[in-house]
PDB file of N, CA and C in Angstrom:
ATOM      1  N   MET A   1    -118.526 -31.226 -53.122  1.00  0.00           N
ATOM      2  CA  MET A   1    -117.946 -31.111 -51.753  1.00  0.00           C
ATOM      3  C   MET A   1    -117.204 -29.767 -51.726  1.00  0.00           C
ATOM      4  N   GLY A   2    -117.010 -29.262 -50.483  1.00  0.00           N
ATOM      5  CA  GLY A   2    -116.463 -28.005 -50.318  1.00  0.00           C
ATOM      6  C   GLY A   2    -114.884 -28.058 -50.245  1.00  0.00           C
ATOM      7  N   GLY A   3    -114.367 -26.958 -49.691  1.00  0.00           N
ATOM      8  CA  GLY A   3    -112.890 -26.931 -49.515  1.00  0.00           C
ATOM      9  C   GLY A   3    -112.436 -27.752 -48.410  1.00  0.00           C
ATOM     10  N   GLY A   4    -111.203 -27.472 -48.006  1.00  0.00           N
ATOM     11  CA  GLY A   4    -110.512 -28.149 -46.837  1.00  0.00           C
ATOM     12  C   GLY A   4    -109.550 -29.174 -47.231  1.00  0.00           C
ATOM     13  N   ASN A   5    -109.131 -29.974 -46.212  1.00  0.00           N
ATOM     14  CA  ASN A   5    -108.254 -31.057 -46.436  1.00  0.00           C
ATOM     15  C   ASN A   5    -109.015 -32.217 -47.018  1.00  0.00           C
ATOM     16  N   LYS A   6    -108.852 -32.480 -48.341  1.00  0.00           N
ATOM     17  CA  LYS A   6    -109.496 -33.527 -48.985  1.00  0.00           C
ATOM     18  C   LYS A   6    -109.069 -35.052 -48.745  1.00  0.00           C
ATOM     19  N   SER A   7    -107.783 -35.034 -48.144  1.00  0.00           N
ATOM     20  CA  SER A   7    -107.241 -36.386 -47.837  1.00  0.00           C
ATOM     21  C   SER A   7    -107.875 -36.837 -46.481  1.00  0.00           C
ATOM     22  N   MET A   8    -108.495 -36.056 -45.706  1.00  0.00           N
ATOM     23  CA  MET A   8    -109.124 -36.420 -44.515  1.00  0.00           C
ATOM     24  C   MET A   8    -110.578 -36.347 -44.685  1.00  0.00           C
ATOM     25  N   TYR A   9    -111.282 -37.499 -44.432  1.00  0.00           N
ATOM     26  CA  TYR A   9    -112.725 -37.543 -44.467  1.00  0.00           C
ATOM     27  C   TYR A   9    -113.234 -38.442 -43.302  1.00  0.00           C
ATOM     28  N   ALA A  10    -114.562 -38.307 -43.104  1.00  0.00           N
ATOM     29  CA  ALA A  10    -115.202 -39.128 -42.127  1.00  0.00           C
ATOM     30  C   ALA A  10    -116.534 -39.563 -42.636  1.00  0.00           C
ATOM     31  N   VAL A  11    -117.049 -40.633 -42.149  1.00  0.00           N
ATOM     32  CA  VAL A  11    -118.418 -41.123 -42.380  1.00  0.00           C
ATOM     33  C   VAL A  11    -119.228 -41.047 -41.168  1.00  0.00           C
ATOM     34  N   ILE A  12    -120.283 -40.121 -41.172  1.00  0.00           N
ATOM     35  CA  ILE A  12    -121.070 -40.001 -39.959  1.00  0.00           C
ATOM     36  C   ILE A  12    -122.455 -40.535 -40.214  1.00  0.00           C
ATOM     37  N   GLU A  13    -123.144 -40.823 -39.139  1.00  0.00           N
ATOM     38  CA  GLU A  13    -124.529 -41.228 -39.147  1.00  0.00           C
ATOM     39  C   GLU A  13    -125.438 -40.342 -38.422  1.00  0.00           C
ATOM     40  N   ASP A  14    -126.457 -39.875 -39.049  1.00  0.00           N
ATOM     41  CA  ASP A  14    -127.398 -38.920 -38.384  1.00  0.00           C
ATOM     42  C   ASP A  14    -128.810 -39.277 -38.885  1.00  0.00           C
ATOM     43  N   SER A  15    -129.683 -39.605 -37.919  1.00  0.00           N
ATOM     44  CA  SER A  15    -131.119 -39.806 -38.115  1.00  0.00           C
ATOM     45  C   SER A  15    -131.254 -40.995 -39.174  1.00  0.00           C
ATOM     46  N   GLY A  16    -130.419 -41.948 -39.089  1.00  0.00           N
ATOM     47  CA  GLY A  16    -130.517 -43.162 -40.029  1.00  0.00           C
ATOM     48  C   GLY A  16    -129.912 -42.958 -41.298  1.00  0.00           C
ATOM     49  N   GLN A  17    -129.218 -41.873 -41.636  1.00  0.00           N
ATOM     50  CA  GLN A  17    -128.617 -41.607 -42.863  1.00  0.00           C
ATOM     51  C   GLN A  17    -127.017 -41.466 -42.560  1.00  0.00           C
ATOM     52  N   GLN A  18    -126.452 -41.991 -43.687  1.00  0.00           N
ATOM     53  CA  GLN A  18    -124.870 -41.879 -43.513  1.00  0.00           C
ATOM     54  C   GLN A  18    -124.403 -40.837 -44.495  1.00  0.00           C
ATOM     55  N   PHE A  19    -123.417 -39.938 -44.066  1.00  0.00           N
ATOM     56  CA  PHE A  19    -122.885 -38.958 -44.871  1.00  0.00           C
ATOM     57  C   PHE A  19    -121.358 -39.107 -44.935  1.00  0.00           C
ATOM     58  N   ARG A  20    -120.765 -38.916 -46.022  1.00  0.00           N
ATOM     59  CA  ARG A  20    -119.192 -38.873 -46.165  1.00  0.00           C
ATOM     60  C   ARG A  20    -118.910 -37.403 -46.271  1.00  0.00           C
ATOM     61  N   VAL A  21    -118.180 -36.872 -45.258  1.00  0.00           N
ATOM     62  CA  VAL A  21    -117.920 -35.460 -45.071  1.00  0.00           C
ATOM     63  C   VAL A  21    -116.405 -35.192 -45.065  1.00  0.00           C
ATOM     64  N   CYS A  22    -116.031 -34.007 -45.595  1.00  0.00           N
ATOM     65  CA  CYS A  22    -114.733 -33.509 -45.396  1.00  0.00           C
ATOM     66  C   CYS A  22    -114.926 -32.076 -44.784  1.00  0.00           C
ATOM     67  N   GLU A  23    -113.822 -31.523 -44.384  1.00  0.00           N
ATOM     68  CA  GLU A  23    -113.933 -30.176 -43.767  1.00  0.00           C
ATOM     69  C   GLU A  23    -114.246 -29.188 -44.864  1.00  0.00           C
ATOM     70  N   GLY A  24    -115.211 -28.275 -44.613  1.00  0.00           N
ATOM     71  CA  GLY A  24    -115.592 -27.344 -45.502  1.00  0.00           C
ATOM     72  C   GLY A  24    -116.968 -27.752 -46.310  1.00  0.00           C
ATOM     73  N   ASP A  25    -117.329 -29.026 -46.191  1.00  0.00           N
ATOM     74  CA  ASP A  25    -118.539 -29.474 -46.861  1.00  0.00           C
ATOM     75  C   ASP A  25    -119.770 -28.848 -46.270  1.00  0.00           C
ATOM     76  N   VAL A  26    -120.746 -28.539 -47.081  1.00  0.00           N
ATOM     77  CA  VAL A  26    -122.133 -28.020 -46.596  1.00  0.00           C
ATOM     78  C   VAL A  26    -123.125 -29.100 -46.858  1.00  0.00           C
ATOM     79  N   LEU A  27    -123.843 -29.522 -45.951  1.00  0.00           N
ATOM     80  CA  LEU A  27    -124.910 -30.627 -46.147  1.00  0.00           C
ATOM     81  C   LEU A  27    -126.184 -30.200 -45.313  1.00  0.00           C
ATOM     82  N   ASP A  28    -127.282 -30.841 -45.717  1.00  0.00           N
ATOM     83  CA  ASP A  28    -128.536 -30.631 -45.166  1.00  0.00           C
ATOM     84  C   ASP A  28    -128.839 -31.927 -44.313  1.00  0.00           C
ATOM     85  N   VAL A  29    -129.101 -31.796 -43.045  1.00  0.00           N
ATOM     86  CA  VAL A  29    -129.378 -32.822 -42.114  1.00  0.00           C
ATOM     87  C   VAL A  29    -130.824 -32.655 -41.589  1.00  0.00           C
ATOM     88  N   ASP A  30    -131.368 -33.771 -41.067  1.00  0.00           N
ATOM     89  CA  ASP A  30    -132.739 -33.587 -40.513  1.00  0.00           C
ATOM     90  C   ASP A  30    -132.812 -32.438 -39.470  1.00  0.00           C
ATOM     91  N   LEU A  31    -133.964 -31.696 -39.497  1.00  0.00           N
ATOM     92  CA  LEU A  31    -134.212 -30.677 -38.534  1.00  0.00           C
ATOM     93  C   LEU A  31    -134.227 -31.163 -37.087  1.00  0.00           C
ATOM     94  N   ARG A  32    -133.712 -30.434 -36.239  1.00  0.00           N
ATOM     95  CA  ARG A  32    -133.717 -30.934 -34.826  1.00  0.00           C
ATOM     96  C   ARG A  32    -133.913 -29.758 -33.801  1.00  0.00           C
ATOM     97  N   GLU A  33    -134.256 -30.034 -32.660  1.00  0.00           N
ATOM     98  CA  GLU A  33    -134.473 -28.966 -31.685  1.00  0.00           C
ATOM     99  C   GLU A  33    -133.024 -28.522 -31.277  1.00  0.00           C
ATOM    100  N   LEU A  34    -132.897 -27.268 -31.241  1.00  0.00           N
ATOM    101  CA  LEU A  34    -131.625 -26.556 -30.877  1.00  0.00           C
ATOM    102  C   LEU A  34    -131.759 -25.648 -29.695  1.00  0.00           C
ATOM    103  N   ALA A  35    -130.797 -25.473 -28.945  1.00  0.00           N
ATOM    104  CA  ALA A  35    -130.727 -24.428 -27.861  1.00  0.00           C
ATOM    105  C   ALA A  35    -130.889 -23.151 -28.488  1.00  0.00           C
ATOM    106  N   ASP A  36    -131.454 -22.136 -27.864  1.00  0.00           N
ATOM    107  CA  ASP A  36    -131.561 -20.722 -28.349  1.00  0.00           C
ATOM    108  C   ASP A  36    -130.198 -20.192 -28.696  1.00  0.00           C
ATOM    109  N   ASN A  37    -130.062 -19.622 -29.885  1.00  0.00           N
ATOM    110  CA  ASN A  37    -128.879 -18.964 -30.384  1.00  0.00           C
ATOM    111  C   ASN A  37    -127.718 -19.994 -30.540  1.00  0.00           C
ATOM    112  N   ALA A  38    -128.074 -21.278 -30.812  1.00  0.00           N
ATOM    113  CA  ALA A  38    -126.985 -22.214 -31.046  1.00  0.00           C
ATOM    114  C   ALA A  38    -126.362 -21.956 -32.419  1.00  0.00           C
ATOM    115  N   LYS A  39    -124.975 -22.033 -32.365  1.00  0.00           N
ATOM    116  CA  LYS A  39    -124.230 -21.703 -33.575  1.00  0.00           C
ATOM    117  C   LYS A  39    -123.499 -23.030 -34.103  1.00  0.00           C
ATOM    118  N   LYS A  40    -123.403 -23.998 -33.294  1.00  0.00           N
ATOM    119  CA  LYS A  40    -122.653 -25.203 -33.683  1.00  0.00           C
ATOM    120  C   LYS A  40    -123.318 -26.436 -33.396  1.00  0.00           C
ATOM    121  N   VAL A  41    -123.145 -27.521 -34.100  1.00  0.00           N
ATOM    122  CA  VAL A  41    -123.726 -28.803 -33.872  1.00  0.00           C
ATOM    123  C   VAL A  41    -122.461 -29.884 -33.857  1.00  0.00           C
ATOM    124  N   THR A  42    -122.512 -30.843 -33.086  1.00  0.00           N
ATOM    125  CA  THR A  42    -121.514 -31.907 -33.034  1.00  0.00           C
ATOM    126  C   THR A  42    -122.150 -33.161 -33.288  1.00  0.00           C
ATOM    127  N   PHE A  43    -121.456 -33.898 -34.256  1.00  0.00           N
ATOM    128  CA  PHE A  43    -121.888 -35.282 -34.599  1.00  0.00           C
ATOM    129  C   PHE A  43    -120.907 -36.171 -33.960  1.00  0.00           C
ATOM    130  N   ASP A  44    -121.411 -37.025 -33.032  1.00  0.00           N
ATOM    131  CA  ASP A  44    -120.544 -37.954 -32.349  1.00  0.00           C
ATOM    132  C   ASP A  44    -120.684 -39.396 -32.708  1.00  0.00           C
ATOM    133  N   HIS A  45    -121.513 -39.566 -33.581  1.00  0.00           N
ATOM    134  CA  HIS A  45    -121.773 -41.053 -34.091  1.00  0.00           C
ATOM    135  C   HIS A  45    -120.923 -41.154 -35.441  1.00  0.00           C
ATOM    136  N   VAL A  46    -119.626 -41.261 -35.288  1.00  0.00           N
ATOM    137  CA  VAL A  46    -118.702 -41.307 -36.351  1.00  0.00           C
ATOM    138  C   VAL A  46    -118.404 -42.827 -36.684  1.00  0.00           C
ATOM    139  N   LEU A  47    -118.703 -43.298 -37.878  1.00  0.00           N
ATOM    140  CA  LEU A  47    -118.470 -44.624 -38.309  1.00  0.00           C
ATOM    141  C   LEU A  47    -117.147 -44.927 -38.790  1.00  0.00           C
ATOM    142  N   LEU A  48    -116.466 -43.902 -39.433  1.00  0.00           N
ATOM    143  CA  LEU A  48    -115.208 -44.171 -40.098  1.00  0.00           C
ATOM    144  C   LEU A  48    -114.435 -42.846 -40.206  1.00  0.00           C
ATOM    145  N   VAL A  49    -113.180 -42.861 -40.013  1.00  0.00           N
ATOM    146  CA  VAL A  49    -112.236 -41.692 -40.203  1.00  0.00           C
ATOM    147  C   VAL A  49    -111.023 -42.098 -40.987  1.00  0.00           C
ATOM    148  N   SER A  50    -110.791 -41.399 -42.057  1.00  0.00           N
ATOM    149  CA  SER A  50    -109.546 -41.613 -42.883  1.00  0.00           C
ATOM    150  C   SER A  50    -108.769 -40.365 -42.987  1.00  0.00           C
ATOM    151  N   ASP A  51    -107.465 -40.480 -42.598  1.00  0.00           N
ATOM    152  CA  ASP A  51    -106.586 -39.363 -42.691  1.00  0.00           C
ATOM    153  C   ASP A  51    -105.374 -39.861 -43.479  1.00  0.00           C
ATOM    154  N   GLU A  52    -105.290 -39.371 -44.695  1.00  0.00           N
ATOM    155  CA  GLU A  52    -104.214 -39.661 -45.674  1.00  0.00           C
ATOM    156  C   GLU A  52    -103.913 -41.098 -45.764  1.00  0.00           C
ATOM    157  N   GLY A  53    -104.908 -41.977 -45.882  1.00  0.00           N
ATOM    158  CA  GLY A  53    -104.744 -43.416 -46.080  1.00  0.00           C
ATOM    159  C   GLY A  53    -104.755 -44.150 -44.745  1.00  0.00           C
ATOM    160  N   ASN A  54    -104.633 -43.536 -43.682  1.00  0.00           N
ATOM    161  CA  ASN A  54    -104.766 -44.137 -42.293  1.00  0.00           C
ATOM    162  C   ASN A  54    -106.217 -44.209 -42.008  1.00  0.00           C
ATOM    163  N   VAL A  55    -106.929 -45.508 -42.099  1.00  0.00           N
ATOM    164  CA  VAL A  55    -108.268 -45.565 -41.901  1.00  0.00           C
ATOM    165  C   VAL A  55    -108.536 -46.223 -40.560  1.00  0.00           C
ATOM    166  N   LYS A  56    -109.487 -45.545 -39.854  1.00  0.00           N
ATOM    167  CA  LYS A  56    -110.111 -46.121 -38.573  1.00  0.00           C
ATOM    168  C   LYS A  56    -111.438 -46.428 -38.789  1.00  0.00           C
ATOM    169  N   VAL A  57    -111.797 -47.756 -38.632  1.00  0.00           N
ATOM    170  CA  VAL A  57    -113.234 -48.193 -38.833  1.00  0.00           C
ATOM    171  C   VAL A  57    -113.827 -48.514 -37.470  1.00  0.00           C
ATOM    172  N   GLY A  58    -114.962 -47.967 -37.120  1.00  0.00           N
ATOM    173  CA  GLY A  58    -115.494 -48.134 -35.847  1.00  0.00           C
ATOM    174  C   GLY A  58    -116.302 -49.472 -35.766  1.00  0.00           C
ATOM    175  N   THR A  59    -116.498 -49.901 -34.539  1.00  0.00           N
ATOM    176  CA  THR A  59    -117.286 -51.172 -34.289  1.00  0.00           C
ATOM    177  C   THR A  59    -118.317 -50.853 -33.178  1.00  0.00           C
ATOM    178  N   PRO A  60    -119.430 -50.235 -33.412  1.00  0.00           N
ATOM    179  CA  PRO A  60    -119.886 -49.562 -34.587  1.00  0.00           C
ATOM    180  C   PRO A  60    -119.386 -48.102 -34.793  1.00  0.00           C
ATOM    181  N   VAL A  61    -118.863 -47.445 -33.791  1.00  0.00           N
ATOM    182  CA  VAL A  61    -118.373 -46.106 -33.923  1.00  0.00           C
ATOM    183  C   VAL A  61    -116.901 -46.017 -33.549  1.00  0.00           C
ATOM    184  N   VAL A  62    -116.233 -44.948 -33.988  1.00  0.00           N
ATOM    185  CA  VAL A  62    -114.899 -44.836 -33.703  1.00  0.00           C
ATOM    186  C   VAL A  62    -114.814 -44.051 -32.319  1.00  0.00           C
ATOM    187  N   ALA A  63    -114.106 -44.692 -31.327  1.00  0.00           N
ATOM    188  CA  ALA A  63    -114.066 -44.166 -29.980  1.00  0.00           C
ATOM    189  C   ALA A  63    -113.317 -42.725 -30.028  1.00  0.00           C
ATOM    190  N   GLY A  64    -113.978 -41.877 -29.475  1.00  0.00           N
ATOM    191  CA  GLY A  64    -113.453 -40.475 -29.199  1.00  0.00           C
ATOM    192  C   GLY A  64    -113.486 -39.588 -30.483  1.00  0.00           C
ATOM    193  N   ALA A  65    -114.006 -40.046 -31.585  1.00  0.00           N
ATOM    194  CA  ALA A  65    -114.175 -39.218 -32.818  1.00  0.00           C
ATOM    195  C   ALA A  65    -115.347 -38.266 -32.839  1.00  0.00           C
ATOM    196  N   LYS A  66    -115.149 -37.197 -33.249  1.00  0.00           N
ATOM    197  CA  LYS A  66    -116.338 -36.217 -33.299  1.00  0.00           C
ATOM    198  C   LYS A  66    -116.193 -35.200 -34.658  1.00  0.00           C
ATOM    199  N   VAL A  67    -117.309 -34.879 -35.139  1.00  0.00           N
ATOM    200  CA  VAL A  67    -117.250 -34.000 -36.255  1.00  0.00           C
ATOM    201  C   VAL A  67    -118.033 -32.669 -35.806  1.00  0.00           C
ATOM    202  N   ASP A  68    -117.351 -31.630 -35.836  1.00  0.00           N
ATOM    203  CA  ASP A  68    -117.946 -30.220 -35.501  1.00  0.00           C
ATOM    204  C   ASP A  68    -118.475 -29.646 -36.741  1.00  0.00           C
ATOM    205  N   ALA A  69    -119.621 -28.931 -36.707  1.00  0.00           N
ATOM    206  CA  ALA A  69    -120.257 -28.175 -37.731  1.00  0.00           C
ATOM    207  C   ALA A  69    -120.826 -26.933 -37.254  1.00  0.00           C
ATOM    208  N   GLU A  70    -120.764 -25.842 -38.076  1.00  0.00           N
ATOM    209  CA  GLU A  70    -121.431 -24.576 -37.799  1.00  0.00           C
ATOM    210  C   GLU A  70    -122.752 -24.592 -38.550  1.00  0.00           C
ATOM    211  N   ILE A  71    -123.691 -23.983 -37.929  1.00  0.00           N
ATOM    212  CA  ILE A  71    -125.098 -23.896 -38.532  1.00  0.00           C
ATOM    213  C   ILE A  71    -125.058 -22.704 -39.497  1.00  0.00           C
ATOM    214  N   ILE A  72    -125.411 -23.014 -40.796  1.00  0.00           N
ATOM    215  CA  ILE A  72    -125.544 -21.924 -41.810  1.00  0.00           C
ATOM    216  C   ILE A  72    -126.945 -21.374 -41.791  1.00  0.00           C
ATOM    217  N   ALA A  73    -127.924 -22.304 -41.901  1.00  0.00           N
ATOM    218  CA  ALA A  73    -129.288 -21.879 -41.917  1.00  0.00           C
ATOM    219  C   ALA A  73    -130.049 -22.778 -41.012  1.00  0.00           C
ATOM    220  N   PRO A  74    -130.844 -22.276 -39.962  1.00  0.00           N
ATOM    221  CA  PRO A  74    -131.513 -23.014 -39.058  1.00  0.00           C
ATOM    222  C   PRO A  74    -132.702 -23.878 -39.657  1.00  0.00           C
ATOM    223  N   GLU A  75    -133.388 -23.359 -40.805  1.00  0.00           N
ATOM    224  CA  GLU A  75    -134.411 -24.068 -41.409  1.00  0.00           C
ATOM    225  C   GLU A  75    -134.420 -23.879 -42.890  1.00  0.00           C
ATOM    226  N   VAL A  76    -134.179 -24.970 -43.647  1.00  0.00           N
ATOM    227  CA  VAL A  76    -134.219 -24.936 -45.077  1.00  0.00           C
ATOM    228  C   VAL A  76    -135.258 -25.931 -45.594  1.00  0.00           C
ATOM    229  N   LYS A  77    -136.000 -25.536 -46.640  1.00  0.00           N
ATOM    230  CA  LYS A  77    -136.985 -26.400 -47.161  1.00  0.00           C
ATOM    231  C   LYS A  77    -136.477 -27.110 -48.354  1.00  0.00           C
ATOM    232  N   GLY A  78    -136.694 -28.457 -48.441  1.00  0.00           N
ATOM    233  CA  GLY A  78    -136.255 -29.281 -49.426  1.00  0.00           C
ATOM    234  C   GLY A  78    -137.097 -29.193 -50.665  1.00  0.00           C
ATOM    235  N   GLU A  79    -136.877 -29.950 -51.712  1.00  0.00           N
ATOM    236  CA  GLU A  79    -137.618 -29.993 -52.841  1.00  0.00           C
ATOM    237  C   GLU A  79    -139.107 -30.555 -52.599  1.00  0.00           C
ATOM    238  N   LYS A  80    -140.020 -30.036 -53.378  1.00  0.00           N
ATOM    239  CA  LYS A  80    -141.481 -30.528 -53.153  1.00  0.00           C
ATOM    240  C   LYS A  80    -141.683 -31.882 -53.649  1.00  0.00           C
ATOM    241  N   VAL A  81    -142.393 -32.611 -52.886  1.00  0.00           N
ATOM    242  CA  VAL A  81    -142.734 -33.964 -53.376  1.00  0.00           C
ATOM    243  C   VAL A  81    -144.277 -33.975 -53.525  1.00  0.00           C
ATOM    244  N   HIS A  82    -144.772 -34.438 -54.682  1.00  0.00           N
ATOM    245  CA  HIS A  82    -146.135 -34.472 -54.981  1.00  0.00           C
ATOM    246  C   HIS A  82    -146.742 -35.919 -54.686  1.00  0.00           C
ATOM    247  N   ILE A  83    -147.858 -35.981 -54.050  1.00  0.00           N
ATOM    248  CA  ILE A  83    -148.460 -37.224 -53.709  1.00  0.00           C
ATOM    249  C   ILE A  83    -149.843 -37.223 -54.452  1.00  0.00           C
ATOM    250  N   PHE A  84    -150.153 -38.120 -55.269  1.00  0.00           N
ATOM    251  CA  PHE A  84    -151.410 -38.174 -56.020  1.00  0.00           C
ATOM    252  C   PHE A  84    -152.053 -39.565 -55.934  1.00  0.00           C
ATOM    253  N   HIS A  85    -153.290 -39.577 -55.174  1.00  0.00           N
ATOM    254  CA  HIS A  85    -154.067 -40.770 -54.974  1.00  0.00           C
ATOM    255  C   HIS A  85    -155.239 -40.637 -55.910  1.00  0.00           C
ATOM    256  N   TRP A  86    -155.551 -41.879 -56.562  1.00  0.00           N
ATOM    257  CA  TRP A  86    -156.750 -41.960 -57.255  1.00  0.00           C
ATOM    258  C   TRP A  86    -157.300 -43.305 -57.248  1.00  0.00           C
ATOM    259  N   ARG A  87    -158.674 -43.444 -57.366  1.00  0.00           N
ATOM    260  CA  ARG A  87    -159.296 -44.766 -57.495  1.00  0.00           C
ATOM    261  C   ARG A  87    -159.905 -44.821 -58.892  1.00  0.00           C
ATOM    262  N   ARG A  88    -159.631 -45.779 -59.692  1.00  0.00           N
ATOM    263  CA  ARG A  88    -160.159 -45.905 -61.040  1.00  0.00           C
ATOM    264  C   ARG A  88    -161.700 -46.099 -60.898  1.00  0.00           C
ATOM    265  N   ARG A  89    -162.287 -45.461 -61.838  1.00  0.00           N
ATOM    266  CA  ARG A  89    -163.743 -45.531 -62.033  1.00  0.00           C
ATOM    267  C   ARG A  89    -164.624 -44.992 -60.875  1.00  0.00           C
ATOM    268  N   LYS A  90    -164.023 -44.259 -59.901  1.00  0.00           N
ATOM    269  CA  LYS A  90    -164.774 -43.830 -58.786  1.00  0.00           C
ATOM    270  C   LYS A  90    -164.923 -42.396 -58.644  1.00  0.00           C
ATOM    271  N   GLY A  91    -164.175 -41.662 -59.597  1.00  0.00           N
ATOM    272  CA  GLY A  91    -164.164 -40.200 -59.580  1.00  0.00           C
ATOM    273  C   GLY A  91    -163.554 -39.591 -58.273  1.00  0.00           C
ATOM    274  N   SER A  92    -162.765 -40.433 -57.575  1.00  0.00           N
ATOM    275  CA  SER A  92    -162.001 -39.975 -56.464  1.00  0.00           C
ATOM    276  C   SER A  92    -160.563 -39.624 -56.728  1.00  0.00           C
ATOM    277  N   ARG A  93    -160.096 -38.362 -56.482  1.00  0.00           N
ATOM    278  CA  ARG A  93    -158.746 -38.058 -56.784  1.00  0.00           C
ATOM    279  C   ARG A  93    -158.280 -37.159 -55.568  1.00  0.00           C
ATOM    280  N   THR A  94    -157.049 -37.231 -55.132  1.00  0.00           N
ATOM    281  CA  THR A  94    -156.563 -36.379 -54.110  1.00  0.00           C
ATOM    282  C   THR A  94    -155.050 -36.117 -54.398  1.00  0.00           C
ATOM    283  N   LYS A  95    -154.754 -34.768 -54.439  1.00  0.00           N
ATOM    284  CA  LYS A  95    -153.378 -34.329 -54.672  1.00  0.00           C
ATOM    285  C   LYS A  95    -152.882 -33.546 -53.556  1.00  0.00           C
ATOM    286  N   THR A  96    -151.807 -33.999 -52.922  1.00  0.00           N
ATOM    287  CA  THR A  96    -151.197 -33.164 -51.859  1.00  0.00           C
ATOM    288  C   THR A  96    -149.744 -33.063 -52.189  1.00  0.00           C
ATOM    289  N   GLY A  97    -148.990 -32.219 -51.350  1.00  0.00           N
ATOM    290  CA  GLY A  97    -147.707 -32.046 -51.553  1.00  0.00           C
ATOM    291  C   GLY A  97    -146.942 -31.956 -50.225  1.00  0.00           C
ATOM    292  N   HIS A  98    -145.544 -32.058 -50.210  1.00  0.00           N
ATOM    293  CA  HIS A  98    -144.824 -32.046 -48.912  1.00  0.00           C
ATOM    294  C   HIS A  98    -143.423 -31.542 -49.225  1.00  0.00           C
ATOM    295  N   ARG A  99    -143.002 -30.582 -48.397  1.00  0.00           N
ATOM    296  CA  ARG A  99    -141.658 -30.145 -48.408  1.00  0.00           C
ATOM    297  C   ARG A  99    -141.014 -30.401 -47.048  1.00  0.00           C
ATOM    298  N   GLN A 100    -140.000 -31.277 -47.090  1.00  0.00           N
ATOM    299  CA  GLN A 100    -139.316 -31.583 -45.755  1.00  0.00           C
ATOM    300  C   GLN A 100    -138.367 -30.429 -45.400  1.00  0.00           C
ATOM    301  N   LYS A 101    -138.209 -30.230 -44.090  1.00  0.00           N
ATOM    302  CA  LYS A 101    -137.454 -29.187 -43.573  1.00  0.00           C
ATOM    303  C   LYS A 101    -136.122 -29.692 -43.073  1.00  0.00           C
ATOM    304  N   TYR A 102    -135.052 -29.013 -43.308  1.00  0.00           N
ATOM    305  CA  TYR A 102    -133.670 -29.467 -43.059  1.00  0.00           C
ATOM    306  C   TYR A 102    -132.958 -28.418 -42.317  1.00  0.00           C
ATOM    307  N   LEU A 103    -131.836 -28.799 -41.663  1.00  0.00           N
ATOM    308  CA  LEU A 103    -130.900 -27.951 -41.016  1.00  0.00           C
ATOM    309  C   LEU A 103    -129.582 -27.906 -41.883  1.00  0.00           C
ATOM    310  N   ARG A 104    -129.189 -26.713 -42.412  1.00  0.00           N
ATOM    311  CA  ARG A 104    -128.019 -26.705 -43.219  1.00  0.00           C
ATOM    312  C   ARG A 104    -126.799 -26.384 -42.385  1.00  0.00           C
ATOM    313  N   VAL A 105    -125.743 -27.247 -42.468  1.00  0.00           N
ATOM    314  CA  VAL A 105    -124.523 -27.025 -41.656  1.00  0.00           C
ATOM    315  C   VAL A 105    -123.314 -27.128 -42.552  1.00  0.00           C
ATOM    316  N   LYS A 106    -122.374 -26.551 -42.120  1.00  0.00           N
ATOM    317  CA  LYS A 106    -120.967 -26.584 -42.738  1.00  0.00           C
ATOM    318  C   LYS A 106    -120.021 -27.249 -41.845  1.00  0.00           C
ATOM    319  N   ILE A 107    -119.256 -28.249 -42.250  1.00  0.00           N
ATOM    320  CA  ILE A 107    -118.368 -29.074 -41.503  1.00  0.00           C
ATOM    321  C   ILE A 107    -117.155 -28.265 -41.285  1.00  0.00           C
ATOM    322  N   THR A 108    -116.742 -28.021 -39.868  1.00  0.00           N
ATOM    323  CA  THR A 108    -115.510 -27.270 -39.553  1.00  0.00           C
ATOM    324  C   THR A 108    -114.411 -28.026 -39.174  1.00  0.00           C
ATOM    325  N   LYS A 109    -114.533 -29.114 -38.388  1.00  0.00           N
ATOM    326  CA  LYS A 109    -113.437 -29.820 -37.880  1.00  0.00           C
ATOM    327  C   LYS A 109    -113.769 -31.417 -37.721  1.00  0.00           C
ATOM    328  N   ILE A 110    -112.855 -32.174 -38.084  1.00  0.00           N
ATOM    329  CA  ILE A 110    -113.051 -33.548 -37.824  1.00  0.00           C
ATOM    330  C   ILE A 110    -111.938 -34.014 -36.709  1.00  0.00           C
ATOM    331  N   LYS A 111    -112.439 -34.418 -35.633  1.00  0.00           N
ATOM    332  CA  LYS A 111    -111.537 -34.731 -34.509  1.00  0.00           C
ATOM    333  C   LYS A 111    -111.471 -36.354 -34.358  1.00  0.00           C
ATOM    334  N   THR A 112    -110.283 -36.820 -34.311  1.00  0.00           N
ATOM    335  CA  THR A 112    -110.098 -38.243 -34.235  1.00  0.00           C
ATOM    336  C   THR A 112    -109.693 -38.703 -32.728  1.00  0.00           C
TER     337      THR A 112
END
């Protein structure tokens, strides 16, 4: 995790994944359509906010809470995944690969 106020963190949900983030953290989220020359992204699906032991848990989200992030890299490729299919005794083999594309962001502000 990056720098920032470690006593304050939030749990956000994006594209079916949950992330525990603090200010200054850098994370890779699913690639999305962005407006031209977009510099920031806002995550408004905040599930939990903790500020020095004062915890707010959403049902399902915390009302009014948002997490702001700045875009570091608009497209980052993830690790390569190899897929190998074969059928025994048939001489049939197929090898393919895939690299998922991500959006790299840095958390700048947690608003409660």
